Amino acid sequence: MKYDSFFARSFSKHEQKKLGIGAFVSCFILAATFCFLFKPEIRHFRVVNVKVSLRGSPKILAITEEVTKPKKPYFEIEQEKQICNVLHPRADLCEMNGDIRIQGNSSTIFFVSIDEEKNNSWNIRPYARKGDDRAMDSVTNLIVKKVHISQQIPICTRNYTVPAVVFSTKGYAGNHFHDFSDVLIPLFQTSRRFNGEVQFLITNKMPWWIKKFKPVLQRLSKYEAIDIDKEKEVLCFPSMTIGLKANKEFSINTSESHYSMMDFTRFLKSTYSLKRKFAVRLKKNADDDQRRKNKPRLLIISRSRTRRFTNIEAIVTLARSLGFKVGVEETRENLAQVAKKVNSFDVLMGVHGAGLTNMVFLPENASVIQIVGLGMEWVSKEDFEIPAMDMNLKYLGYKISVNESSLIQQYPLEHHVLKDPPGNMISPKGWASYRKVYLDQQDVKIDVNRFRGTLLKALELLRS
């Protein structure tokens, strides 16, 4: 009361009114200053418009809320992490969840984002042999664009509720080894977790390739693969992987994957209904009757053009004399037939080459004998020795001598091709000249007396 009477005595009515208005305006200016200074902390608050009349008593005439309603996305968008990894040495990979739209024949994929930061884009060639220009040049370059929801985005014309996986069947696809190493094994790692509920989008689609591996593709996806290069509509997905997860040559690095190479080979055996799970086990003290019934089976992969066995009859005669039942095949038949044939053998043998890829169909604990030609040590180890052990197979390598190579007939003994063959990995630039000499010009004539010990070791492994 004392305060009120003092205030009344000190100021006239007109002055009190002016003071009240001034106080209100001062408070408003202070509030605006606070909002300006601390804008980052309150940027998520709703914006409120306040209209004030300065005539008469201070009154708030109107309060209106302005809430910006963003364009509704096809799928609910969450704050995303980095979506593309282009640093992996073997394959670039994009993994996205949210609103993804692919304009097929434009080779453009849009990832609709709520991130207001600068838009990003990536160039992705969805084939697992990064760094090999010869392979990658034939693979379509896809442009992945991260765009803000407020930007102009193609309208969905076909909507899907399952995830999509985008990959190419170009590069070295068509070579049996690369079919598995570059496409099928990476595709298994990428899509198996979806249990068939995934849509494959294929660029550089080759119908004959799809036909060859149809059983595998149908086990991994319940839906017919889409040739994205011919697609004119805008396809929309809740999730998409562009490129394939690949981390090891013709195998799976378990430290980077939820699967192992044994998971893959078991998947294949189930896909092709292969009956034999394990190789024959020989008894150490078996009588003649038991030996005849449990004769181990040896399959020799023959080649008709390069890296041929030039004395195949002598090798077959040696193997039979040691107790093997021997088959010689080039394995060019229907893949389902090849799978069943290979699965019926206990030992697979061949010169380094794509035919050895068929070890994926061998029963567990079977043996692989790789004939390692001159200059093939490093490639033989990477392509087949390590993968064989990852498949729970037993591995034997037979490194030929100079006298067993046909190169001795083409070069003098002192030539560096014979005297100093490459021992380490060849750079992509040097691959063509390496291949021309050591892979395309070299045949093998096995010294059967020297090779006898390797076949005896294979029999011993079947007893262990």
Protein backbone atom coordinates (compact mmCIF):
# COMPACT_ATOMS: atom_id res chain seq x y z
CA MET A 1 0.00 0.00 0.00
CA LYS A 2 2.83 2.42 0.88
CA TYR A 3 4.44 1.63 -2.44
CA ASP A 4 1.16 2.26 -4.35
CA SER A 5 0.53 5.60 -2.61
CA PHE A 6 4.09 6.72 -3.29
CA PHE A 7 3.74 5.79 -6.97
CA ALA A 8 0.45 7.74 -7.21
CA ARG A 9 1.92 10.83 -5.56
CA SER A 10 5.05 10.85 -7.71
CA PHE A 11 3.42 10.60 -11.15
CA SER A 12 0.31 11.98 -12.80
CA LYS A 13 -2.23 9.68 -14.47
CA HIS A 14 -0.97 10.62 -17.90
CA GLU A 15 2.62 9.98 -16.84
CA GLN A 16 1.66 6.61 -15.32
CA LYS A 17 0.12 5.56 -18.62
CA LYS A 18 3.24 6.59 -20.55
CA LEU A 19 5.44 4.79 -18.05
CA GLY A 20 3.38 1.59 -18.39
CA ILE A 21 3.67 1.62 -22.16
CA GLY A 22 7.39 2.30 -21.95
CA ALA A 23 7.88 -0.55 -19.50
CA PHE A 24 5.99 -2.96 -21.78
CA VAL A 25 7.97 -1.90 -24.88
CA SER A 26 11.25 -2.25 -22.92
CA CYS A 27 10.31 -5.78 -21.85
CA PHE A 28 9.41 -6.64 -25.45
CA ILE A 29 12.80 -5.34 -26.71
CA LEU A 30 14.65 -7.29 -24.00
CA ALA A 31 12.77 -10.47 -24.94
CA ALA A 32 13.56 -9.98 -28.65
CA THR A 33 17.23 -9.40 -27.82
CA PHE A 34 17.31 -12.60 -25.75
CA CYS A 35 15.81 -14.60 -28.62
CA PHE A 36 18.33 -13.16 -31.07
CA LEU A 37 21.33 -13.90 -28.85
CA PHE A 38 20.21 -17.40 -27.97
CA LYS A 39 18.68 -18.35 -31.33
CA PRO A 40 20.61 -21.66 -31.70
CA GLU A 41 19.21 -22.93 -28.42
CA ILE A 42 15.57 -22.10 -29.18
CA ARG A 43 15.41 -22.82 -32.90
CA HIS A 44 13.06 -25.74 -32.30
CA PHE A 45 10.42 -23.59 -30.56
CA ARG A 46 7.28 -22.57 -32.44
CA VAL A 47 7.22 -19.04 -33.86
CA VAL A 48 4.61 -16.73 -32.31
CA ASN A 49 3.46 -13.41 -33.79
CA VAL A 50 2.44 -10.84 -31.16
CA LYS A 51 0.57 -7.68 -32.18
CA VAL A 52 0.54 -4.85 -29.64
CA SER A 53 -1.44 -1.61 -29.61
CA LEU A 54 0.40 1.37 -28.21
CA ARG A 55 -2.79 3.39 -27.93
CA GLY A 56 -4.40 3.37 -24.52
CA SER A 57 -3.63 0.55 -22.13
CA PRO A 58 -1.20 -2.08 -23.41
CA LYS A 59 -3.17 -5.01 -24.82
CA ILE A 60 -2.23 -8.12 -26.80
CA LEU A 61 -4.55 -7.92 -29.77
CA ALA A 62 -3.70 -11.25 -31.45
CA ILE A 63 -1.45 -14.26 -31.07
CA THR A 64 -1.04 -16.49 -34.12
CA GLU A 65 1.11 -19.62 -34.52
CA GLU A 66 3.10 -20.12 -37.72
CA VAL A 67 4.05 -23.80 -38.05
CA THR A 68 5.77 -24.69 -41.32
CA LYS A 69 4.41 -27.97 -42.61
CA PRO A 70 7.04 -29.79 -44.67
CA LYS A 71 6.19 -31.73 -47.78
CA LYS A 72 5.14 -35.19 -46.68
CA PRO A 73 7.71 -37.83 -47.70
CA TYR A 74 6.82 -41.24 -49.11
CA PHE A 75 8.38 -42.91 -46.07
CA GLU A 76 9.00 -41.54 -42.60
CA ILE A 77 12.44 -39.95 -42.51
CA GLU A 78 14.79 -40.31 -39.59
CA GLN A 79 17.96 -38.34 -38.95
CA GLU A 80 20.47 -40.34 -40.99
CA LYS A 81 24.12 -41.21 -40.63
CA GLN A 82 26.69 -41.18 -43.45
CA ILE A 83 25.02 -43.19 -46.20
CA CYS A 84 27.84 -43.96 -48.64
CA ASN A 85 31.23 -45.51 -47.94
CA VAL A 86 33.65 -44.94 -50.81
CA LEU A 87 36.79 -45.71 -48.81
CA HIS A 88 36.58 -49.52 -48.77
CA PRO A 89 39.36 -50.94 -51.00
CA ARG A 90 37.19 -53.56 -52.70
CA ALA A 91 33.75 -52.03 -53.27
CA ASP A 92 31.85 -48.75 -52.81
CA LEU A 93 28.62 -49.17 -50.88
CA CYS A 94 25.59 -47.00 -50.01
CA GLU A 95 23.06 -48.07 -47.38
CA MET A 96 19.96 -45.92 -46.88
CA ASN A 97 16.76 -46.08 -44.86
CA GLY A 98 13.89 -43.66 -45.38
CA ASP A 99 12.53 -42.16 -48.57
CA ILE A 100 14.54 -43.47 -51.54
CA ARG A 101 13.50 -42.89 -55.15
CA ILE A 102 15.24 -44.37 -58.17
CA GLN A 103 14.76 -42.98 -61.64
CA GLY A 104 16.03 -46.04 -63.44
CA ASN A 105 16.96 -45.11 -66.96
CA SER A 106 18.49 -41.85 -65.75
CA SER A 107 20.83 -43.83 -63.45
CA THR A 108 19.92 -41.46 -60.62
CA ILE A 109 18.90 -42.34 -57.06
CA PHE A 110 17.44 -39.73 -54.70
CA PHE A 111 17.70 -40.03 -50.93
CA VAL A 112 15.24 -37.59 -49.34
CA SER A 113 16.77 -36.05 -46.24
CA ILE A 114 15.78 -33.74 -43.37
CA ASP A 115 19.38 -32.66 -43.02
CA GLU A 116 19.58 -28.95 -43.83
CA GLU A 117 23.31 -29.08 -44.43
CA LYS A 118 24.84 -28.98 -47.91
CA ASN A 119 23.49 -31.65 -50.21
CA ASN A 120 25.82 -34.52 -51.13
CA SER A 121 26.15 -36.76 -54.17
CA TRP A 122 28.18 -39.87 -54.92
CA ASN A 123 29.15 -41.76 -58.08
CA ILE A 124 28.77 -45.49 -57.47
CA ARG A 125 29.59 -48.36 -59.82
CA PRO A 126 27.83 -51.32 -58.14
CA TYR A 127 30.38 -54.06 -58.86
CA ALA A 128 32.84 -55.56 -56.40
CA ARG A 129 36.21 -55.07 -58.09
CA LYS A 130 37.06 -51.49 -57.27
CA GLY A 131 40.39 -50.27 -58.63
CA ASP A 132 40.34 -52.59 -61.64
CA ASP A 133 39.66 -50.14 -64.46
CA ARG A 134 39.28 -52.88 -67.04
CA ALA A 135 36.41 -54.41 -65.08
CA MET A 136 34.80 -51.19 -63.85
CA ASP A 137 34.76 -49.32 -67.18
CA SER A 138 31.86 -51.46 -68.41
CA VAL A 139 29.78 -50.97 -65.24
CA THR A 140 27.10 -48.26 -65.22
CA ASN A 141 27.88 -45.25 -63.06
CA LEU A 142 24.96 -44.51 -60.71
CA ILE A 143 24.52 -41.04 -59.21
CA VAL A 144 23.29 -41.07 -55.62
CA LYS A 145 21.88 -37.70 -54.55
CA LYS A 146 21.08 -36.70 -50.99
CA VAL A 147 18.42 -33.98 -51.31
CA HIS A 148 16.50 -31.95 -48.74
CA ILE A 149 12.79 -32.63 -48.47
CA SER A 150 12.00 -29.08 -49.59
CA GLN A 151 13.71 -29.55 -52.98
CA GLN A 152 12.13 -30.70 -56.20
CA ILE A 153 12.01 -34.51 -56.13
CA PRO A 154 10.65 -36.97 -58.73
CA ILE A 155 7.18 -38.20 -57.83
CA CYS A 156 6.84 -41.90 -57.03
CA THR A 157 4.99 -43.86 -59.70
CA ARG A 158 5.54 -47.31 -58.18
CA ASN A 159 5.87 -47.94 -54.47
CA TYR A 160 7.46 -50.93 -52.74
CA THR A 161 7.39 -52.06 -49.12
CA VAL A 162 10.49 -54.29 -49.28
CA PRO A 163 14.17 -53.19 -49.36
CA ALA A 164 16.08 -53.02 -52.64
CA VAL A 165 19.59 -54.12 -53.57
CA VAL A 166 21.20 -52.58 -56.66
CA PHE A 167 24.07 -54.39 -58.45
CA SER A 168 25.64 -54.97 -61.86
CA THR A 169 26.21 -58.14 -63.87
CA LYS A 170 28.91 -56.59 -66.04
CA GLY A 171 32.63 -56.31 -65.26
CA TYR A 172 34.13 -59.79 -65.43
CA ALA A 173 30.77 -61.52 -64.97
CA GLY A 174 30.66 -64.45 -67.35
CA ASN A 175 33.97 -65.80 -66.07
CA HIS A 176 33.02 -68.58 -63.66
CA PHE A 177 35.45 -67.47 -60.96
CA HIS A 178 34.38 -63.82 -61.12
CA ASP A 179 30.69 -64.78 -61.15
CA PHE A 180 31.21 -66.09 -57.63
CA SER A 181 33.94 -63.81 -56.32
CA ASP A 182 32.54 -60.51 -57.64
CA VAL A 183 28.78 -61.08 -57.66
CA LEU A 184 27.29 -64.17 -55.99
CA ILE A 185 29.27 -64.23 -52.74
CA PRO A 186 28.91 -60.43 -52.23
CA LEU A 187 25.20 -60.70 -53.12
CA PHE A 188 24.78 -63.44 -50.51
CA GLN A 189 26.46 -61.28 -47.86
CA THR A 190 24.30 -58.29 -48.77
CA SER A 191 20.86 -59.86 -49.18
CA ARG A 192 20.68 -63.13 -47.23
CA ARG A 193 19.53 -61.38 -44.04
CA PHE A 194 16.28 -60.31 -45.75
CA ASN A 195 15.17 -63.95 -46.05
CA GLY A 196 13.85 -63.43 -49.58
CA GLU A 197 11.96 -60.20 -48.84
CA VAL A 198 14.17 -58.02 -51.03
CA GLN A 199 13.90 -56.62 -54.55
CA PHE A 200 16.93 -56.91 -56.83
CA LEU A 201 17.53 -53.97 -59.19
CA ILE A 202 20.10 -54.92 -61.82
CA THR A 203 22.07 -52.61 -64.06
CA ASN A 204 23.89 -54.04 -67.10
CA LYS A 205 21.51 -56.99 -66.83
CA MET A 206 22.48 -59.97 -69.00
CA PRO A 207 19.55 -62.42 -69.46
CA TRP A 208 21.81 -65.44 -70.02
CA TRP A 209 23.62 -64.71 -66.73
CA ILE A 210 20.31 -64.43 -64.86
CA LYS A 211 19.22 -67.75 -66.38
CA LYS A 212 22.47 -69.48 -65.40
CA PHE A 213 22.20 -68.49 -61.74
CA LYS A 214 18.41 -68.41 -61.49
CA PRO A 215 18.20 -70.97 -58.62
CA VAL A 216 20.57 -68.86 -56.51
CA LEU A 217 18.78 -65.59 -57.27
CA GLN A 218 15.38 -67.13 -56.51
CA ARG A 219 16.60 -68.36 -53.13
CA LEU A 220 17.84 -64.89 -52.21
CA SER A 221 14.82 -62.94 -53.50
CA LYS A 222 11.16 -63.91 -53.87
CA TYR A 223 10.67 -61.29 -56.57
CA GLU A 224 11.68 -61.16 -60.22
CA ALA A 225 14.74 -58.98 -60.71
CA ILE A 226 14.12 -55.60 -62.37
CA ASP A 227 16.27 -54.39 -65.27
CA ILE A 228 16.71 -50.87 -63.94
CA ASP A 229 18.33 -49.59 -67.16
CA LYS A 230 15.05 -50.12 -69.02
CA GLU A 231 12.80 -48.82 -66.24
CA LYS A 232 11.02 -45.53 -67.08
CA GLU A 233 9.03 -45.18 -63.87
CA VAL A 234 10.15 -43.73 -60.54
CA LEU A 235 10.43 -46.60 -58.07
CA CYS A 236 10.26 -45.82 -54.34
CA PHE A 237 11.64 -47.94 -51.50
CA PRO A 238 11.87 -47.75 -47.69
CA SER A 239 15.44 -49.06 -47.75
CA MET A 240 18.13 -49.55 -50.36
CA THR A 241 21.67 -50.91 -50.68
CA ILE A 242 23.61 -49.74 -53.72
CA GLY A 243 26.57 -51.99 -54.45
CA LEU A 244 27.47 -55.29 -52.79
CA LYS A 245 29.32 -56.10 -49.59
CA ALA A 246 32.64 -57.65 -50.57
CA ASN A 247 35.70 -58.00 -48.38
CA LYS A 248 37.76 -60.97 -49.59
CA GLU A 249 38.66 -62.66 -52.86
CA PHE A 250 36.35 -65.64 -53.47
CA SER A 251 35.54 -65.78 -49.76
CA ILE A 252 34.09 -63.90 -46.81
CA ASN A 253 36.01 -62.02 -44.15
CA THR A 254 34.10 -62.97 -41.00
CA SER A 255 35.40 -59.92 -39.14
CA GLU A 256 33.42 -57.71 -41.56
CA SER A 257 30.38 -59.91 -42.09
CA HIS A 258 27.64 -61.77 -40.22
CA TYR A 259 28.28 -64.77 -42.48
CA SER A 260 31.15 -67.15 -43.25
CA MET A 261 32.20 -68.97 -46.40
CA MET A 262 30.80 -72.17 -44.92
CA ASP A 263 27.42 -70.44 -44.62
CA PHE A 264 27.63 -69.68 -48.33
CA THR A 265 28.61 -73.21 -49.42
CA ARG A 266 25.86 -74.74 -47.26
CA PHE A 267 23.40 -72.30 -48.82
CA LEU A 268 24.53 -73.44 -52.30
CA LYS A 269 24.23 -77.13 -51.44
CA SER A 270 20.72 -76.54 -50.16
CA THR A 271 19.83 -74.51 -53.25
CA TYR A 272 20.94 -77.29 -55.62
CA SER A 273 19.69 -80.12 -53.35
CA LEU A 274 23.14 -81.70 -53.04
CA LYS A 275 23.04 -84.89 -51.00
CA ARG A 276 26.61 -85.42 -49.82
CA LYS A 277 27.51 -83.35 -46.77
CA PHE A 278 30.86 -84.99 -46.04
CA ALA A 279 33.63 -86.62 -48.08
CA VAL A 280 34.32 -90.33 -47.74
CA ARG A 281 36.31 -91.34 -44.69
CA LEU A 282 38.84 -94.09 -45.34
CA LYS A 283 39.59 -96.66 -42.67
CA LYS A 284 43.25 -97.23 -41.95
CA ASN A 285 42.99 -101.01 -41.61
CA ALA A 286 40.23 -101.64 -44.16
CA ASP A 287 40.20 -104.99 -45.97
CA ASP A 288 40.08 -105.31 -49.77
CA ASP A 289 36.28 -105.53 -49.85
CA GLN A 290 35.90 -102.29 -47.83
CA ARG A 291 38.45 -100.51 -50.05
CA ARG A 292 36.48 -101.44 -53.16
CA LYS A 293 33.22 -100.14 -51.65
CA ASN A 294 34.73 -96.90 -50.28
CA LYS A 295 36.98 -96.05 -53.18
CA PRO A 296 37.81 -92.32 -53.02
CA ARG A 297 36.75 -90.35 -56.08
CA LEU A 298 39.14 -87.91 -57.80
CA LEU A 299 37.86 -85.33 -60.29
CA ILE A 300 40.50 -83.82 -62.60
CA ILE A 301 39.46 -80.51 -64.15
CA SER A 302 40.71 -80.46 -67.74
CA ARG A 303 41.20 -77.35 -69.86
CA SER A 304 41.09 -77.23 -73.65
CA ARG A 305 42.79 -73.90 -74.42
CA THR A 306 45.23 -72.64 -71.77
CA ARG A 307 46.94 -74.23 -68.74
CA ARG A 308 46.25 -77.71 -70.10
CA PHE A 309 47.55 -81.00 -68.79
CA THR A 310 49.62 -82.36 -71.68
CA ASN A 311 49.98 -85.84 -70.15
CA ILE A 312 46.53 -86.38 -68.67
CA GLU A 313 46.58 -90.14 -69.40
CA ALA A 314 49.69 -90.64 -67.29
CA ILE A 315 48.12 -88.73 -64.38
CA VAL A 316 44.93 -90.83 -64.57
CA THR A 317 46.96 -94.06 -64.64
CA LEU A 318 48.93 -92.99 -61.55
CA ALA A 319 45.80 -92.01 -59.62
CA ARG A 320 44.05 -95.29 -60.39
CA SER A 321 47.08 -97.29 -59.33
CA LEU A 322 46.90 -95.60 -55.91
CA GLY A 323 43.25 -96.56 -55.42
CA PHE A 324 41.31 -93.57 -56.80
CA LYS A 325 38.24 -93.77 -58.97
CA VAL A 326 39.03 -91.03 -61.50
CA GLY A 327 36.87 -88.70 -63.57
CA VAL A 328 38.11 -86.10 -66.07
CA GLU A 329 35.76 -83.21 -66.84
CA GLU A 330 35.87 -79.69 -68.25
CA THR A 331 32.68 -78.75 -66.29
CA ARG A 332 30.97 -76.75 -68.99
CA GLU A 333 27.52 -78.22 -68.49
CA ASN A 334 24.42 -76.77 -66.89
CA LEU A 335 25.43 -75.46 -63.45
CA ALA A 336 22.93 -77.66 -61.61
CA GLN A 337 24.47 -80.72 -63.29
CA VAL A 338 27.99 -79.51 -62.51
CA ALA A 339 27.05 -79.01 -58.86
CA LYS A 340 25.71 -82.55 -58.50
CA LYS A 341 28.72 -84.05 -60.29
CA VAL A 342 31.33 -82.21 -58.23
CA ASN A 343 29.49 -83.02 -55.01
CA SER A 344 29.90 -86.72 -55.74
CA PHE A 345 33.73 -86.49 -55.57
CA ASP A 346 36.12 -86.45 -52.62
CA VAL A 347 39.12 -84.76 -54.26
CA LEU A 348 39.15 -81.99 -56.87
CA MET A 349 42.30 -81.36 -58.86
CA GLY A 350 43.26 -78.83 -61.51
CA VAL A 351 45.73 -76.23 -62.74
CA HIS A 352 45.01 -72.77 -61.35
CA GLY A 353 41.92 -71.53 -63.20
CA ALA A 354 38.18 -70.90 -63.11
CA GLY A 355 37.34 -74.62 -63.05
CA LEU A 356 38.57 -74.85 -59.45
CA THR A 357 35.75 -72.47 -58.50
CA ASN A 358 33.51 -75.54 -58.46
CA MET A 359 35.07 -76.49 -55.12
CA VAL A 360 32.06 -74.66 -53.64
CA PHE A 361 30.03 -77.80 -54.38
CA LEU A 362 32.41 -80.29 -52.74
CA PRO A 363 31.31 -82.04 -49.55
CA GLU A 364 32.96 -80.81 -46.36
CA ASN A 365 36.38 -82.31 -45.53
CA ALA A 366 37.02 -83.04 -49.21
CA SER A 367 40.42 -82.10 -50.61
CA VAL A 368 41.51 -79.64 -53.30
CA ILE A 369 44.77 -80.12 -55.21
CA GLN A 370 45.83 -76.97 -57.04
CA ILE A 371 48.58 -77.29 -59.61
CA VAL A 372 50.58 -74.07 -59.22
CA GLY A 373 52.29 -73.10 -62.47
CA LEU A 374 55.36 -70.88 -62.78
CA GLY A 375 54.62 -67.35 -61.59
CA MET A 376 51.28 -68.36 -60.09
CA GLU A 377 52.19 -68.60 -56.40
CA TRP A 378 50.54 -65.39 -55.22
CA VAL A 379 47.40 -65.64 -57.36
CA SER A 380 46.96 -69.31 -56.44
CA LYS A 381 47.12 -68.51 -52.74
CA GLU A 382 44.66 -65.60 -52.91
CA ASP A 383 42.17 -67.18 -55.32
CA PHE A 384 41.92 -70.78 -54.13
CA GLU A 385 44.22 -71.79 -51.25
CA ILE A 386 42.80 -69.42 -48.63
CA PRO A 387 39.18 -69.79 -49.83
CA ALA A 388 39.43 -73.62 -49.77
CA MET A 389 40.36 -73.56 -46.09
CA ASP A 390 37.56 -71.05 -45.41
CA MET A 391 35.16 -73.63 -46.88
CA ASN A 392 36.39 -76.32 -44.46
CA LEU A 393 38.18 -78.15 -47.28
CA LYS A 394 41.66 -79.64 -47.11
CA TYR A 395 44.15 -78.02 -49.43
CA LEU A 396 47.24 -79.32 -51.22
CA GLY A 397 49.34 -77.20 -53.56
CA TYR A 398 51.66 -78.77 -56.10
CA LYS A 399 54.19 -76.22 -57.33
CA ILE A 400 55.57 -77.35 -60.67
CA SER A 401 59.26 -77.21 -61.57
CA VAL A 402 60.60 -75.37 -64.61
CA ASN A 403 60.87 -78.69 -66.46
CA GLU A 404 57.10 -79.30 -66.01
CA SER A 405 56.16 -75.98 -67.66
CA SER A 406 55.68 -75.52 -71.39
CA LEU A 407 57.37 -72.12 -71.04
CA ILE A 408 60.72 -73.93 -71.11
CA GLN A 409 60.07 -74.56 -74.81
CA GLN A 410 59.46 -70.86 -75.48
CA TYR A 411 62.20 -69.13 -73.48
CA PRO A 412 65.90 -69.86 -72.83
CA LEU A 413 66.76 -71.11 -69.32
CA GLU A 414 68.41 -67.82 -68.39
CA HIS A 415 65.38 -65.74 -69.39
CA HIS A 416 63.73 -63.82 -66.52
CA VAL A 417 60.35 -65.46 -67.32
CA LEU A 418 61.81 -68.78 -66.12
CA LYS A 419 64.53 -67.60 -63.79
CA ASP A 420 62.65 -64.87 -61.95
CA PRO A 421 58.86 -65.38 -62.20
CA PRO A 422 56.74 -62.90 -60.18
CA GLY A 423 56.28 -63.85 -56.56
CA ASN A 424 54.09 -60.99 -55.39
CA MET A 425 50.82 -59.45 -56.47
CA ILE A 426 50.82 -57.82 -59.90
CA SER A 427 49.59 -54.25 -60.26
CA PRO A 428 46.53 -53.69 -62.49
CA LYS A 429 48.77 -52.00 -65.07
CA GLY A 430 51.05 -55.02 -65.28
CA TRP A 431 48.28 -57.61 -65.32
CA ALA A 432 47.90 -57.82 -69.11
CA SER A 433 51.56 -58.70 -69.75
CA TYR A 434 51.61 -61.11 -66.80
CA ARG A 435 48.48 -62.88 -68.00
CA LYS A 436 49.77 -63.18 -71.56
CA VAL A 437 52.85 -65.13 -70.45
CA TYR A 438 52.00 -67.10 -67.32
CA LEU A 439 48.28 -67.75 -67.76
CA ASP A 440 47.74 -67.81 -71.53
CA GLN A 441 50.98 -69.38 -72.81
CA GLN A 442 51.67 -71.98 -70.12
CA ASP A 443 50.66 -75.64 -70.18
CA VAL A 444 51.71 -78.29 -67.68
CA LYS A 445 53.31 -81.72 -68.04
CA ILE A 446 53.21 -83.32 -64.59
CA ASP A 447 56.20 -85.39 -63.45
CA VAL A 448 54.14 -88.36 -62.25
CA ASN A 449 56.94 -89.73 -60.05
CA ARG A 450 57.22 -86.38 -58.28
CA PHE A 451 53.44 -85.96 -58.12
CA ARG A 452 52.89 -89.37 -56.55
CA GLY A 453 53.58 -87.99 -53.06
CA THR A 454 50.83 -85.35 -53.41
CA LEU A 455 48.20 -87.98 -54.28
CA LEU A 456 49.32 -90.16 -51.35
CA LYS A 457 48.94 -87.12 -49.08
CA ALA A 458 45.40 -86.65 -50.39
CA LEU A 459 44.57 -90.25 -49.44
CA GLU A 460 46.06 -89.68 -46.00
CA LEU A 461 43.86 -86.60 -45.49
CA LEU A 462 40.78 -88.72 -46.23
CA ARG A 463 41.81 -91.04 -43.42
CA SER A 464 42.22 -88.27 -40.83
